[in-house]
């Protein structure tokens, strides 16, 4: 199965409304997307959140990623986040959150966008 892990840090409490307006529809879209096997969210800190999704294939994940509410959220993400980090990998099972986050942090190919000095993950 194809696993996708994402971590986002919101710019500040004043941006939480925008964050949730964009991410709740994206998460519902993921849950209903063809090929989705699991979809989880996790609060990593006051302003830091994660998603963990499992897919039948990379193609199924990309079809979801490039459409609907998720595509719109990706286009607007820089307006409400200071950190957006993502990684993908194959697995025989859905990883635990600690394992997924550790794998993302250790992955040299992990995609990470953010403003310099603002990328420190929340504890």
PDB file of N, CA and C in Angstrom:
ATOM      1  N   UNK A   1       0.840  -1.170   0.000  1.00  0.00           N
ATOM      2  CA  UNK A   1       0.000   0.000   0.000  1.00  0.00           C
ATOM      3  C   UNK A   1       0.886   1.233   0.000  1.00  0.00           C
ATOM      4  N   UNK A   2       0.352   2.332  -0.529  1.00  0.00           N
ATOM      5  CA  UNK A   2       1.080   3.583  -0.658  1.00  0.00           C
ATOM      6  C   UNK A   2       0.666   4.500   0.482  1.00  0.00           C
ATOM      7  N   UNK A   3       1.642   4.952   1.277  1.00  0.00           N
ATOM      8  CA  UNK A   3       1.388   5.777   2.455  1.00  0.00           C
ATOM      9  C   UNK A   3       1.799   7.216   2.171  1.00  0.00           C
ATOM     10  N   UNK A   4       0.975   8.151   2.600  1.00  0.00           N
ATOM     11  CA  UNK A   4       1.287   9.576   2.503  1.00  0.00           C
ATOM     12  C   UNK A   4       1.183  10.185   3.902  1.00  0.00           C
ATOM     13  N   UNK A   5       2.220  10.909   4.297  1.00  0.00           N
ATOM     14  CA  UNK A   5       2.264  11.561   5.605  1.00  0.00           C
ATOM     15  C   UNK A   5       2.535  13.043   5.388  1.00  0.00           C
ATOM     16  N   UNK A   6       1.743  13.887   6.033  1.00  0.00           N
ATOM     17  CA  UNK A   6       1.901  15.329   5.894  1.00  0.00           C
ATOM     18  C   UNK A   6       1.845  15.993   7.255  1.00  0.00           C
ATOM     19  N   UNK A   7       2.674  17.017   7.429  1.00  0.00           N
ATOM     20  CA  UNK A   7       2.655  17.825   8.645  1.00  0.00           C
ATOM     21  C   UNK A   7       2.557  19.285   8.222  1.00  0.00           C
ATOM     22  N   UNK A   8       1.639  20.019   8.863  1.00  0.00           N
ATOM     23  CA  UNK A   8       1.456  21.441   8.586  1.00  0.00           C
ATOM     24  C   UNK A   8       1.508  22.223   9.882  1.00  0.00           C
ATOM     25  N   UNK A   9       2.145  23.384   9.842  1.00  0.00           N
ATOM     26  CA  UNK A   9       2.131  24.286  10.990  1.00  0.00           C
ATOM     27  C   UNK A   9       1.457  25.575  10.548  1.00  0.00           C
ATOM     28  N   UNK A  10       0.387  25.938  11.243  1.00  0.00           N
ATOM     29  CA  UNK A  10      -0.403  27.122  10.915  1.00  0.00           C
ATOM     30  C   UNK A  10       0.342  28.379  11.378  1.00  0.00           C
ATOM     31  N   UNK A  11       0.217  29.465  10.608  1.00  0.00           N
ATOM     32  CA  UNK A  11       0.933  30.704  10.888  1.00  0.00           C
ATOM     33  C   UNK A  11       0.631  31.279  12.270  1.00  0.00           C
ATOM     34  N   UNK A  12      -0.555  31.122  12.752  1.00  0.00           N
ATOM     35  CA  UNK A  12      -0.927  31.645  14.063  1.00  0.00           C
ATOM     36  C   UNK A  12      -2.385  31.342  14.339  1.00  0.00           C
ATOM     37  N   UNK A  13      -2.820  31.609  15.548  1.00  0.00           N
ATOM     38  CA  UNK A  13      -4.202  31.281  15.915  1.00  0.00           C
ATOM     39  C   UNK A  13      -5.206  32.009  15.034  1.00  0.00           C
ATOM     40  N   UNK A  14      -4.862  33.194  14.534  1.00  0.00           N
ATOM     41  CA  UNK A  14      -5.756  33.939  13.666  1.00  0.00           C
ATOM     42  C   UNK A  14      -5.960  33.260  12.310  1.00  0.00           C
ATOM     43  N   UNK A  15      -5.129  32.279  11.983  1.00  0.00           N
ATOM     44  CA  UNK A  15      -5.260  31.550  10.712  1.00  0.00           C
ATOM     45  C   UNK A  15      -5.928  30.177  10.881  1.00  0.00           C
ATOM     46  N   UNK A  16      -6.246  29.810  12.113  1.00  0.00           N
ATOM     47  CA  UNK A  16      -6.849  28.487  12.334  1.00  0.00           C
ATOM     48  C   UNK A  16      -8.192  28.342  11.614  1.00  0.00           C
ATOM     49  N   UNK A  17      -8.982  29.398  11.567  1.00  0.00           N
ATOM     50  CA  UNK A  17     -10.271  29.331  10.860  1.00  0.00           C
ATOM     51  C   UNK A  17     -10.087  28.970   9.399  1.00  0.00           C
ATOM     52  N   UNK A  18      -9.160  29.666   8.737  1.00  0.00           N
ATOM     53  CA  UNK A  18      -8.872  29.375   7.328  1.00  0.00           C
ATOM     54  C   UNK A  18      -8.342  27.954   7.179  1.00  0.00           C
ATOM     55  N   UNK A  19      -7.435  27.571   8.072  1.00  0.00           N
ATOM     56  CA  UNK A  19      -6.870  26.224   8.030  1.00  0.00           C
ATOM     57  C   UNK A  19      -7.974  25.167   8.074  1.00  0.00           C
ATOM     58  N   UNK A  20      -8.871  25.276   9.045  1.00  0.00           N
ATOM     59  CA  UNK A  20      -9.919  24.267   9.169  1.00  0.00           C
ATOM     60  C   UNK A  20     -10.936  24.339   8.031  1.00  0.00           C
ATOM     61  N   UNK A  21     -11.208  25.550   7.521  1.00  0.00           N
ATOM     62  CA  UNK A  21     -12.125  25.666   6.378  1.00  0.00           C
ATOM     63  C   UNK A  21     -11.563  24.967   5.149  1.00  0.00           C
ATOM     64  N   UNK A  22     -10.240  24.913   5.033  1.00  0.00           N
ATOM     65  CA  UNK A  22      -9.622  24.268   3.884  1.00  0.00           C
ATOM     66  C   UNK A  22      -9.390  22.771   4.129  1.00  0.00           C
ATOM     67  N   UNK A  23      -9.026  22.398   5.348  1.00  0.00           N
ATOM     68  CA  UNK A  23      -8.618  21.017   5.587  1.00  0.00           C
ATOM     69  C   UNK A  23      -9.766  20.058   5.872  1.00  0.00           C
ATOM     70  N   UNK A  24     -10.833  20.530   6.498  1.00  0.00           N
ATOM     71  CA  UNK A  24     -11.951  19.616   6.784  1.00  0.00           C
ATOM     72  C   UNK A  24     -12.542  19.057   5.487  1.00  0.00           C
ATOM     73  N   UNK A  25     -12.850  19.901   4.488  1.00  0.00           N
ATOM     74  CA  UNK A  25     -13.344  19.336   3.223  1.00  0.00           C
ATOM     75  C   UNK A  25     -12.311  18.428   2.533  1.00  0.00           C
ATOM     76  N   UNK A  26     -11.024  18.769   2.655  1.00  0.00           N
ATOM     77  CA  UNK A  26      -9.979  17.935   2.051  1.00  0.00           C
ATOM     78  C   UNK A  26      -9.940  16.556   2.693  1.00  0.00           C
ATOM     79  N   UNK A  27     -10.083  16.525   4.014  1.00  0.00           N
ATOM     80  CA  UNK A  27     -10.060  15.249   4.730  1.00  0.00           C
ATOM     81  C   UNK A  27     -11.289  14.406   4.382  1.00  0.00           C
ATOM     82  N   UNK A  28     -12.447  15.037   4.303  1.00  0.00           N
ATOM     83  CA  UNK A  28     -13.656  14.296   3.900  1.00  0.00           C
ATOM     84  C   UNK A  28     -13.498  13.749   2.487  1.00  0.00           C
ATOM     85  N   UNK A  29     -12.883  14.539   1.618  1.00  0.00           N
ATOM     86  CA  UNK A  29     -12.619  14.086   0.252  1.00  0.00           C
ATOM     87  C   UNK A  29     -11.714  12.856   0.276  1.00  0.00           C
ATOM     88  N   UNK A  30     -10.670  12.882   1.106  1.00  0.00           N
ATOM     89  CA  UNK A  30      -9.749  11.743   1.192  1.00  0.00           C
ATOM     90  C   UNK A  30     -10.480  10.487   1.647  1.00  0.00           C
ATOM     91  N   UNK A  31     -11.318  10.623   2.669  1.00  0.00           N
ATOM     92  CA  UNK A  31     -12.049   9.464   3.196  1.00  0.00           C
ATOM     93  C   UNK A  31     -12.923   8.806   2.132  1.00  0.00           C
ATOM     94  N   UNK A  32     -13.443   9.599   1.212  1.00  0.00           N
ATOM     95  CA  UNK A  32     -14.366   9.087   0.196  1.00  0.00           C
ATOM     96  C   UNK A  32     -13.694   8.811  -1.150  1.00  0.00           C
ATOM     97  N   UNK A  33     -12.417   9.118  -1.262  1.00  0.00           N
ATOM     98  CA  UNK A  33     -11.723   8.993  -2.547  1.00  0.00           C
ATOM     99  C   UNK A  33     -11.537   7.535  -2.949  1.00  0.00           C
ATOM    100  N   UNK A  34     -11.708   7.234  -4.241  1.00  0.00           N
ATOM    101  CA  UNK A  34     -11.436   5.883  -4.717  1.00  0.00           C
ATOM    102  C   UNK A  34      -9.997   5.481  -4.407  1.00  0.00           C
ATOM    103  N   UNK A  35      -9.814   4.295  -3.887  1.00  0.00           N
ATOM    104  CA  UNK A  35      -8.492   3.786  -3.580  1.00  0.00           C
ATOM    105  C   UNK A  35      -7.990   4.117  -2.196  1.00  0.00           C
ATOM    106  N   UNK A  36      -8.748   4.903  -1.419  1.00  0.00           N
ATOM    107  CA  UNK A  36      -8.317   5.235  -0.060  1.00  0.00           C
ATOM    108  C   UNK A  36      -8.607   4.059   0.862  1.00  0.00           C
ATOM    109  N   UNK A  37      -7.590   3.652   1.620  1.00  0.00           N
ATOM    110  CA  UNK A  37      -7.720   2.533   2.556  1.00  0.00           C
ATOM    111  C   UNK A  37      -7.810   3.004   4.004  1.00  0.00           C
ATOM    112  N   UNK A  38      -7.233   4.184   4.297  1.00  0.00           N
ATOM    113  CA  UNK A  38      -7.267   4.742   5.655  1.00  0.00           C
ATOM    114  C   UNK A  38      -6.946   6.222   5.574  1.00  0.00           C
ATOM    115  N   UNK A  39      -7.567   6.986   6.458  1.00  0.00           N
ATOM    116  CA  UNK A  39      -7.292   8.421   6.543  1.00  0.00           C
ATOM    117  C   UNK A  39      -7.369   8.819   8.009  1.00  0.00           C
ATOM    118  N   UNK A  40      -6.292   9.417   8.500  1.00  0.00           N
ATOM    119  CA  UNK A  40      -6.218   9.827   9.899  1.00  0.00           C
ATOM    120  C   UNK A  40      -5.676  11.251   9.984  1.00  0.00           C
ATOM    121  N   UNK A  41      -6.122  11.965  11.007  1.00  0.00           N
ATOM    122  CA  UNK A  41      -5.524  13.253  11.333  1.00  0.00           C
ATOM    123  C   UNK A  41      -4.972  13.161  12.744  1.00  0.00           C
ATOM    124  N   UNK A  42      -4.039  14.052  13.055  1.00  0.00           N
ATOM    125  CA  UNK A  42      -3.422  14.021  14.378  1.00  0.00           C
ATOM    126  C   UNK A  42      -2.985  15.438  14.745  1.00  0.00           C
ATOM    127  N   UNK A  43      -3.278  15.852  15.965  1.00  0.00           N
ATOM    128  CA  UNK A  43      -2.814  17.135  16.469  1.00  0.00           C
ATOM    129  C   UNK A  43      -1.422  16.919  17.052  1.00  0.00           C
ATOM    130  N   UNK A  44      -0.446  17.654  16.515  1.00  0.00           N
ATOM    131  CA  UNK A  44       0.943  17.500  16.935  1.00  0.00           C
ATOM    132  C   UNK A  44       1.384  18.635  17.849  1.00  0.00           C
ATOM    133  N   UNK A  45       0.577  19.652  17.976  1.00  0.00           N
ATOM    134  CA  UNK A  45       0.858  20.814  18.805  1.00  0.00           C
ATOM    135  C   UNK A  45      -0.270  21.809  18.607  1.00  0.00           C
ATOM    136  N   UNK A  46      -0.236  22.927  19.330  1.00  0.00           N
ATOM    137  CA  UNK A  46      -1.306  23.913  19.234  1.00  0.00           C
ATOM    138  C   UNK A  46      -1.571  24.332  17.795  1.00  0.00           C
ATOM    139  N   UNK A  47      -0.523  24.518  17.016  1.00  0.00           N
ATOM    140  CA  UNK A  47      -0.668  24.985  15.636  1.00  0.00           C
ATOM    141  C   UNK A  47      -0.145  23.990  14.609  1.00  0.00           C
ATOM    142  N   UNK A  48       0.185  22.781  15.026  1.00  0.00           N
ATOM    143  CA  UNK A  48       0.786  21.799  14.130  1.00  0.00           C
ATOM    144  C   UNK A  48      -0.112  20.565  14.032  1.00  0.00           C
ATOM    145  N   UNK A  49      -0.391  20.159  12.804  1.00  0.00           N
ATOM    146  CA  UNK A  49      -1.323  19.065  12.542  1.00  0.00           C
ATOM    147  C   UNK A  49      -0.746  18.125  11.494  1.00  0.00           C
ATOM    148  N   UNK A  50      -1.191  16.882  11.527  1.00  0.00           N
ATOM    149  CA  UNK A  50      -0.703  15.912  10.571  1.00  0.00           C
ATOM    150  C   UNK A  50      -1.822  15.108   9.942  1.00  0.00           C
ATOM    151  N   UNK A  51      -1.531  14.581   8.770  1.00  0.00           N
ATOM    152  CA  UNK A  51      -2.427  13.627   8.118  1.00  0.00           C
ATOM    153  C   UNK A  51      -1.625  12.393   7.741  1.00  0.00           C
ATOM    154  N   UNK A  52      -2.286  11.277   7.807  1.00  0.00           N
ATOM    155  CA  UNK A  52      -1.700   9.990   7.439  1.00  0.00           C
ATOM    156  C   UNK A  52      -2.755   9.267   6.627  1.00  0.00           C
ATOM    157  N   UNK A  53      -2.446   9.005   5.370  1.00  0.00           N
ATOM    158  CA  UNK A  53      -3.393   8.303   4.514  1.00  0.00           C
ATOM    159  C   UNK A  53      -2.724   7.091   3.885  1.00  0.00           C
ATOM    160  N   UNK A  54      -3.525   6.068   3.653  1.00  0.00           N
ATOM    161  CA  UNK A  54      -3.061   4.851   2.989  1.00  0.00           C
ATOM    162  C   UNK A  54      -3.906   4.657   1.739  1.00  0.00           C
ATOM    163  N   UNK A  55      -3.239   4.269   0.665  1.00  0.00           N
ATOM    164  CA  UNK A  55      -3.877   4.175  -0.650  1.00  0.00           C
ATOM    165  C   UNK A  55      -3.561   2.837  -1.301  1.00  0.00           C
ATOM    166  N   UNK A  56      -4.444   2.409  -2.170  1.00  0.00           N
ATOM    167  CA  UNK A  56      -4.202   1.183  -2.942  1.00  0.00           C
ATOM    168  C   UNK A  56      -2.989   1.348  -3.847  1.00  0.00           C
ATOM    169  N   UNK A  57      -2.757   2.590  -4.308  1.00  0.00           N
ATOM    170  CA  UNK A  57      -1.656   2.842  -5.238  1.00  0.00           C
ATOM    171  C   UNK A  57      -1.267   4.310  -5.205  1.00  0.00           C
ATOM    172  N   UNK A  58      -0.089   4.597  -5.737  1.00  0.00           N
ATOM    173  CA  UNK A  58       0.340   5.985  -5.861  1.00  0.00           C
ATOM    174  C   UNK A  58      -0.598   6.745  -6.798  1.00  0.00           C
ATOM    175  N   UNK A  59      -1.074   6.087  -7.840  1.00  0.00           N
ATOM    176  CA  UNK A  59      -1.992   6.735  -8.789  1.00  0.00           C
ATOM    177  C   UNK A  59      -3.282   7.175  -8.096  1.00  0.00           C
ATOM    178  N   UNK A  60      -3.805   6.359  -7.185  1.00  0.00           N
ATOM    179  CA  UNK A  60      -5.017   6.723  -6.454  1.00  0.00           C
ATOM    180  C   UNK A  60      -4.769   7.947  -5.577  1.00  0.00           C
ATOM    181  N   UNK A  61      -3.610   7.987  -4.912  1.00  0.00           N
ATOM    182  CA  UNK A  61      -3.281   9.140  -4.078  1.00  0.00           C
ATOM    183  C   UNK A  61      -3.152  10.396  -4.941  1.00  0.00           C
ATOM    184  N   UNK A  62      -2.482  10.290  -6.068  1.00  0.00           N
ATOM    185  CA  UNK A  62      -2.291  11.456  -6.936  1.00  0.00           C
ATOM    186  C   UNK A  62      -3.621  11.956  -7.502  1.00  0.00           C
ATOM    187  N   UNK A  63      -4.534  11.055  -7.831  1.00  0.00           N
ATOM    188  CA  UNK A  63      -5.851  11.463  -8.329  1.00  0.00           C
ATOM    189  C   UNK A  63      -6.579  12.291  -7.269  1.00  0.00           C
ATOM    190  N   UNK A  64      -6.508  11.858  -6.020  1.00  0.00           N
ATOM    191  CA  UNK A  64      -7.098  12.623  -4.917  1.00  0.00           C
ATOM    192  C   UNK A  64      -6.371  13.963  -4.752  1.00  0.00           C
ATOM    193  N   UNK A  65      -5.054  13.907  -4.666  1.00  0.00           N
ATOM    194  CA  UNK A  65      -4.238  15.098  -4.406  1.00  0.00           C
ATOM    195  C   UNK A  65      -4.483  16.203  -5.424  1.00  0.00           C
ATOM    196  N   UNK A  66      -4.702  15.821  -6.663  1.00  0.00           N
ATOM    197  CA  UNK A  66      -4.800  16.791  -7.748  1.00  0.00           C
ATOM    198  C   UNK A  66      -6.222  17.166  -8.123  1.00  0.00           C
ATOM    199  N   UNK A  67      -7.160  17.055  -7.165  1.00  0.00           N
ATOM    200  CA  UNK A  67      -8.546  17.376  -7.491  1.00  0.00           C
ATOM    201  C   UNK A  67      -9.281  17.965  -6.292  1.00  0.00           C
ATOM    202  N   UNK A  68     -10.408  18.571  -6.577  1.00  0.00           N
ATOM    203  CA  UNK A  68     -11.365  18.988  -5.563  1.00  0.00           C
ATOM    204  C   UNK A  68     -10.836  19.901  -4.472  1.00  0.00           C
ATOM    205  N   UNK A  69     -11.367  19.673  -3.274  1.00  0.00           N
ATOM    206  CA  UNK A  69     -11.029  20.505  -2.114  1.00  0.00           C
ATOM    207  C   UNK A  69      -9.546  20.435  -1.785  1.00  0.00           C
ATOM    208  N   UNK A  70      -8.927  19.274  -1.973  1.00  0.00           N
ATOM    209  CA  UNK A  70      -7.508  19.161  -1.654  1.00  0.00           C
ATOM    210  C   UNK A  70      -6.657  20.022  -2.579  1.00  0.00           C
ATOM    211  N   UNK A  71      -6.966  20.027  -3.842  1.00  0.00           N
ATOM    212  CA  UNK A  71      -6.217  20.858  -4.786  1.00  0.00           C
ATOM    213  C   UNK A  71      -6.342  22.328  -4.401  1.00  0.00           C
ATOM    214  N   UNK A  72      -7.540  22.758  -4.056  1.00  0.00           N
ATOM    215  CA  UNK A  72      -7.744  24.151  -3.645  1.00  0.00           C
ATOM    216  C   UNK A  72      -6.960  24.467  -2.366  1.00  0.00           C
ATOM    217  N   UNK A  73      -6.940  23.550  -1.412  1.00  0.00           N
ATOM    218  CA  UNK A  73      -6.190  23.751  -0.167  1.00  0.00           C
ATOM    219  C   UNK A  73      -4.693  23.852  -0.457  1.00  0.00           C
ATOM    220  N   UNK A  74      -4.195  23.017  -1.372  1.00  0.00           N
ATOM    221  CA  UNK A  74      -2.769  23.078  -1.725  1.00  0.00           C
ATOM    222  C   UNK A  74      -2.425  24.438  -2.336  1.00  0.00           C
ATOM    223  N   UNK A  75      -3.288  24.947  -3.188  1.00  0.00           N
ATOM    224  CA  UNK A  75      -3.036  26.233  -3.837  1.00  0.00           C
ATOM    225  C   UNK A  75      -2.963  27.368  -2.813  1.00  0.00           C
ATOM    226  N   UNK A  76      -3.755  27.271  -1.744  1.00  0.00           N
ATOM    227  CA  UNK A  76      -3.842  28.350  -0.757  1.00  0.00           C
ATOM    228  C   UNK A  76      -2.988  28.109   0.481  1.00  0.00           C
ATOM    229  N   UNK A  77      -2.323  26.962   0.577  1.00  0.00           N
ATOM    230  CA  UNK A  77      -1.657  26.572   1.823  1.00  0.00           C
ATOM    231  C   UNK A  77      -0.594  27.568   2.287  1.00  0.00           C
ATOM    232  N   UNK A  78       0.111  28.190   1.395  1.00  0.00           N
ATOM    233  CA  UNK A  78       1.157  29.136   1.811  1.00  0.00           C
ATOM    234  C   UNK A  78       0.581  30.378   2.492  1.00  0.00           C
ATOM    235  N   UNK A  79      -0.711  30.634   2.299  1.00  0.00           N
ATOM    236  CA  UNK A  79      -1.312  31.806   2.940  1.00  0.00           C
ATOM    237  C   UNK A  79      -1.638  31.555   4.412  1.00  0.00           C
ATOM    238  N   UNK A  80      -1.673  30.292   4.833  1.00  0.00           N
ATOM    239  CA  UNK A  80      -2.028  30.028   6.236  1.00  0.00           C
ATOM    240  C   UNK A  80      -1.062  29.088   6.955  1.00  0.00           C
ATOM    241  N   UNK A  81       0.032  28.668   6.302  1.00  0.00           N
ATOM    242  CA  UNK A  81       1.003  27.792   6.962  1.00  0.00           C
ATOM    243  C   UNK A  81       2.404  28.396   6.924  1.00  0.00           C
ATOM    244  N   UNK A  82       3.211  28.030   7.924  1.00  0.00           N
ATOM    245  CA  UNK A  82       4.634  28.387   7.914  1.00  0.00           C
ATOM    246  C   UNK A  82       5.487  27.148   7.654  1.00  0.00           C
ATOM    247  N   UNK A  83       4.856  25.983   7.727  1.00  0.00           N
ATOM    248  CA  UNK A  83       5.559  24.730   7.458  1.00  0.00           C
ATOM    249  C   UNK A  83       4.588  23.759   6.815  1.00  0.00           C
ATOM    250  N   UNK A  84       5.034  23.137   5.757  1.00  0.00           N
ATOM    251  CA  UNK A  84       4.292  22.058   5.116  1.00  0.00           C
ATOM    252  C   UNK A  84       5.322  21.017   4.732  1.00  0.00           C
ATOM    253  N   UNK A  85       5.223  19.851   5.347  1.00  0.00           N
ATOM    254  CA  UNK A  85       6.188  18.779   5.086  1.00  0.00           C
ATOM    255  C   UNK A  85       5.423  17.524   4.700  1.00  0.00           C
ATOM    256  N   UNK A  86       5.973  16.789   3.748  1.00  0.00           N
ATOM    257  CA  UNK A  86       5.273  15.617   3.237  1.00  0.00           C
ATOM    258  C   UNK A  86       6.259  14.541   2.798  1.00  0.00           C
ATOM    259  N   UNK A  87       5.848  13.292   2.955  1.00  0.00           N
ATOM    260  CA  UNK A  87       6.622  12.179   2.428  1.00  0.00           C
ATOM    261  C   UNK A  87       5.672  11.066   2.016  1.00  0.00           C
ATOM    262  N   UNK A  88       6.175  10.168   1.196  1.00  0.00           N
ATOM    263  CA  UNK A  88       5.394   9.026   0.708  1.00  0.00           C
ATOM    264  C   UNK A  88       6.279   7.792   0.721  1.00  0.00           C
ATOM    265  N   UNK A  89       5.674   6.644   0.987  1.00  0.00           N
ATOM    266  CA  UNK A  89       6.434   5.406   0.958  1.00  0.00           C
ATOM    267  C   UNK A  89       5.494   4.218   0.862  1.00  0.00           C
ATOM    268  N   UNK A  90       6.040   3.096   0.466  1.00  0.00           N
ATOM    269  CA  UNK A  90       5.294   1.841   0.400  1.00  0.00           C
ATOM    270  C   UNK A  90       5.372   1.138   1.756  1.00  0.00           C
ATOM    271  N   UNK A  91       4.306   0.453   2.129  1.00  0.00           N
ATOM    272  CA  UNK A  91       4.268  -0.282   3.390  1.00  0.00           C
ATOM    273  C   UNK A  91       3.257  -1.411   3.278  1.00  0.00           C
ATOM    274  N   UNK A  92       3.453  -2.439   4.085  1.00  0.00           N
ATOM    275  CA  UNK A  92       2.499  -3.544   4.104  1.00  0.00           C
ATOM    276  C   UNK A  92       1.372  -3.296   5.099  1.00  0.00           C
ATOM    277  N   UNK A  93       1.555  -2.245   5.954  1.00  0.00           N
ATOM    278  CA  UNK A  93       0.521  -1.895   6.934  1.00  0.00           C
ATOM    279  C   UNK A  93       0.537  -0.394   7.178  1.00  0.00           C
ATOM    280  N   UNK A  94      -0.554   0.105   7.750  1.00  0.00           N
ATOM    281  CA  UNK A  94      -0.617   1.514   8.104  1.00  0.00           C
ATOM    282  C   UNK A  94       0.295   1.723   9.315  1.00  0.00           C
ATOM    283  N   UNK A  95       1.271   2.621   9.203  1.00  0.00           N
ATOM    284  CA  UNK A  95       2.202   2.818  10.315  1.00  0.00           C
ATOM    285  C   UNK A  95       1.544   3.555  11.489  1.00  0.00           C
ATOM    286  N   UNK A  96       2.153   3.448  12.652  1.00  0.00           N
ATOM    287  CA  UNK A  96       1.715   4.243  13.793  1.00  0.00           C
ATOM    288  C   UNK A  96       2.145   5.687  13.541  1.00  0.00           C
ATOM    289  N   UNK A  97       1.554   6.613  14.269  1.00  0.00           N
ATOM    290  CA  UNK A  97       1.948   8.011  14.111  1.00  0.00           C
ATOM    291  C   UNK A  97       3.421   8.228  14.423  1.00  0.00           C
ATOM    292  N   UNK A  98       3.938   7.728  15.545  1.00  0.00           N
ATOM    293  CA  UNK A  98       5.374   7.942  15.805  1.00  0.00           C
ATOM    294  C   UNK A  98       6.263   7.392  14.683  1.00  0.00           C
ATOM    295  N   UNK A  99       5.920   6.226  14.165  1.00  0.00           N
ATOM    296  CA  UNK A  99       6.714   5.645  13.078  1.00  0.00           C
ATOM    297  C   UNK A  99       6.610   6.478  11.799  1.00  0.00           C
ATOM    298  N   UNK A 100       5.401   6.936  11.480  1.00  0.00           N
ATOM    299  CA  UNK A 100       5.203   7.732  10.265  1.00  0.00           C
ATOM    300  C   UNK A 100       5.972   9.049  10.339  1.00  0.00           C
ATOM    301  N   UNK A 101       5.899   9.717  11.497  1.00  0.00           N
ATOM    302  CA  UNK A 101       6.608  10.991  11.656  1.00  0.00           C
ATOM    303  C   UNK A 101       8.120  10.800  11.643  1.00  0.00           C
ATOM    304  N   UNK A 102       8.595   9.754  12.293  1.00  0.00           N
ATOM    305  CA  UNK A 102      10.031   9.474  12.297  1.00  0.00           C
ATOM    306  C   UNK A 102      10.514   9.197  10.879  1.00  0.00           C
ATOM    307  N   UNK A 103       9.733   8.462  10.141  1.00  0.00           N
ATOM    308  CA  UNK A 103      10.116   8.150   8.759  1.00  0.00           C
ATOM    309  C   UNK A 103      10.152   9.418   7.905  1.00  0.00           C
ATOM    310  N   UNK A 104       9.186  10.318   8.122  1.00  0.00           N
ATOM    311  CA  UNK A 104       9.165  11.568   7.372  1.00  0.00           C
ATOM    312  C   UNK A 104      10.393  12.417   7.712  1.00  0.00           C
ATOM    313  N   UNK A 105      10.730  12.526   8.989  1.00  0.00           N
ATOM    314  CA  UNK A 105      11.875  13.338   9.397  1.00  0.00           C
ATOM    315  C   UNK A 105      13.194  12.758   8.883  1.00  0.00           C
ATOM    316  N   UNK A 106      13.280  11.443   8.783  1.00  0.00           N
ATOM    317  CA  UNK A 106      14.511  10.790   8.337  1.00  0.00           C
ATOM    318  C   UNK A 106      14.646  10.727   6.818  1.00  0.00           C
ATOM    319  N   UNK A 107      13.567  10.961   6.099  1.00  0.00           N
ATOM    320  CA  UNK A 107      13.563  10.825   4.645  1.00  0.00           C
ATOM    321  C   UNK A 107      14.246  12.026   3.988  1.00  0.00           C
ATOM    322  N   UNK A 108      15.393  11.820   3.341  1.00  0.00           N
ATOM    323  CA  UNK A 108      16.070  12.942   2.694  1.00  0.00           C
ATOM    324  C   UNK A 108      15.275  13.512   1.517  1.00  0.00           C
ATOM    325  N   UNK A 109      14.307  12.749   1.005  1.00  0.00           N
ATOM    326  CA  UNK A 109      13.480  13.217  -0.103  1.00  0.00           C
ATOM    327  C   UNK A 109      12.179  13.872   0.391  1.00  0.00           C
ATOM    328  N   UNK A 110      12.012  13.965   1.713  1.00  0.00           N
ATOM    329  CA  UNK A 110      10.831  14.596   2.277  1.00  0.00           C
ATOM    330  C   UNK A 110      10.700  16.011   1.746  1.00  0.00           C
ATOM    331  N   UNK A 111       9.535  16.351   1.269  1.00  0.00           N
ATOM    332  CA  UNK A 111       9.280  17.679   0.716  1.00  0.00           C
ATOM    333  C   UNK A 111       8.915  18.606   1.868  1.00  0.00           C
ATOM    334  N   UNK A 112       9.627  19.729   1.974  1.00  0.00           N
ATOM    335  CA  UNK A 112       9.403  20.634   3.092  1.00  0.00           C
ATOM    336  C   UNK A 112       9.393  22.073   2.586  1.00  0.00           C
ATOM    337  N   UNK A 113       8.282  22.778   2.830  1.00  0.00           N
ATOM    338  CA  UNK A 113       8.162  24.180   2.469  1.00  0.00           C
ATOM    339  C   UNK A 113       7.944  24.975   3.745  1.00  0.00           C
ATOM    340  N   UNK A 114       8.566  26.100   3.846  1.00  0.00           N
ATOM    341  CA  UNK A 114       8.359  26.963   5.005  1.00  0.00           C
ATOM    342  C   UNK A 114       9.237  28.183   4.928  1.00  0.00           C
ATOM    343  N   UNK A 115       8.981  29.106   5.827  1.00  0.00           N
ATOM    344  CA  UNK A 115       9.797  30.308   5.908  1.00  0.00           C
ATOM    345  C   UNK A 115      11.003  30.027   6.785  1.00  0.00           C
ATOM    346  N   UNK A 116      12.190  30.473   6.381  1.00  0.00           N
ATOM    347  CA  UNK A 116      13.384  30.251   7.210  1.00  0.00           C
ATOM    348  C   UNK A 116      13.148  30.778   8.620  1.00  0.00           C
ATOM    349  N   UNK A 117      13.574  30.002   9.600  1.00  0.00           N
ATOM    350  CA  UNK A 117      13.424  30.391  10.994  1.00  0.00           C
ATOM    351  C   UNK A 117      12.063  30.061  11.567  1.00  0.00           C
ATOM    352  N   UNK A 118      11.126  29.643  10.753  1.00  0.00           N
ATOM    353  CA  UNK A 118       9.768  29.339  11.216  1.00  0.00           C
ATOM    354  C   UNK A 118       9.456  27.844  11.092  1.00  0.00           C
ATOM    355  N   UNK A 119      10.469  27.035  10.791  1.00  0.00           N
ATOM    356  CA  UNK A 119      10.237  25.627  10.496  1.00  0.00           C
ATOM    357  C   UNK A 119      10.433  24.707  11.681  1.00  0.00           C
ATOM    358  N   UNK A 120      10.695  25.229  12.850  1.00  0.00           N
ATOM    359  CA  UNK A 120      10.898  24.379  14.004  1.00  0.00           C
ATOM    360  C   UNK A 120       9.600  23.693  14.362  1.00  0.00           C
ATOM    361  N   UNK A 121       9.552  22.369  14.338  1.00  0.00           N
ATOM    362  CA  UNK A 121       8.319  21.662  14.667  1.00  0.00           C
ATOM    363  C   UNK A 121       7.916  21.922  16.116  1.00  0.00           C
ATOM    364  N   UNK A 122       6.614  21.943  16.337  1.00  0.00           N
ATOM    365  CA  UNK A 122       6.104  22.083  17.706  1.00  0.00           C
ATOM    366  C   UNK A 122       6.426  20.821  18.484  1.00  0.00           C
ATOM    367  N   UNK A 123       6.643  20.936  19.794  1.00  0.00           N
ATOM    368  CA  UNK A 123       6.968  19.737  20.603  1.00  0.00           C
ATOM    369  C   UNK A 123       5.837  18.733  20.608  1.00  0.00           C
TER     370      UNK A 123
END
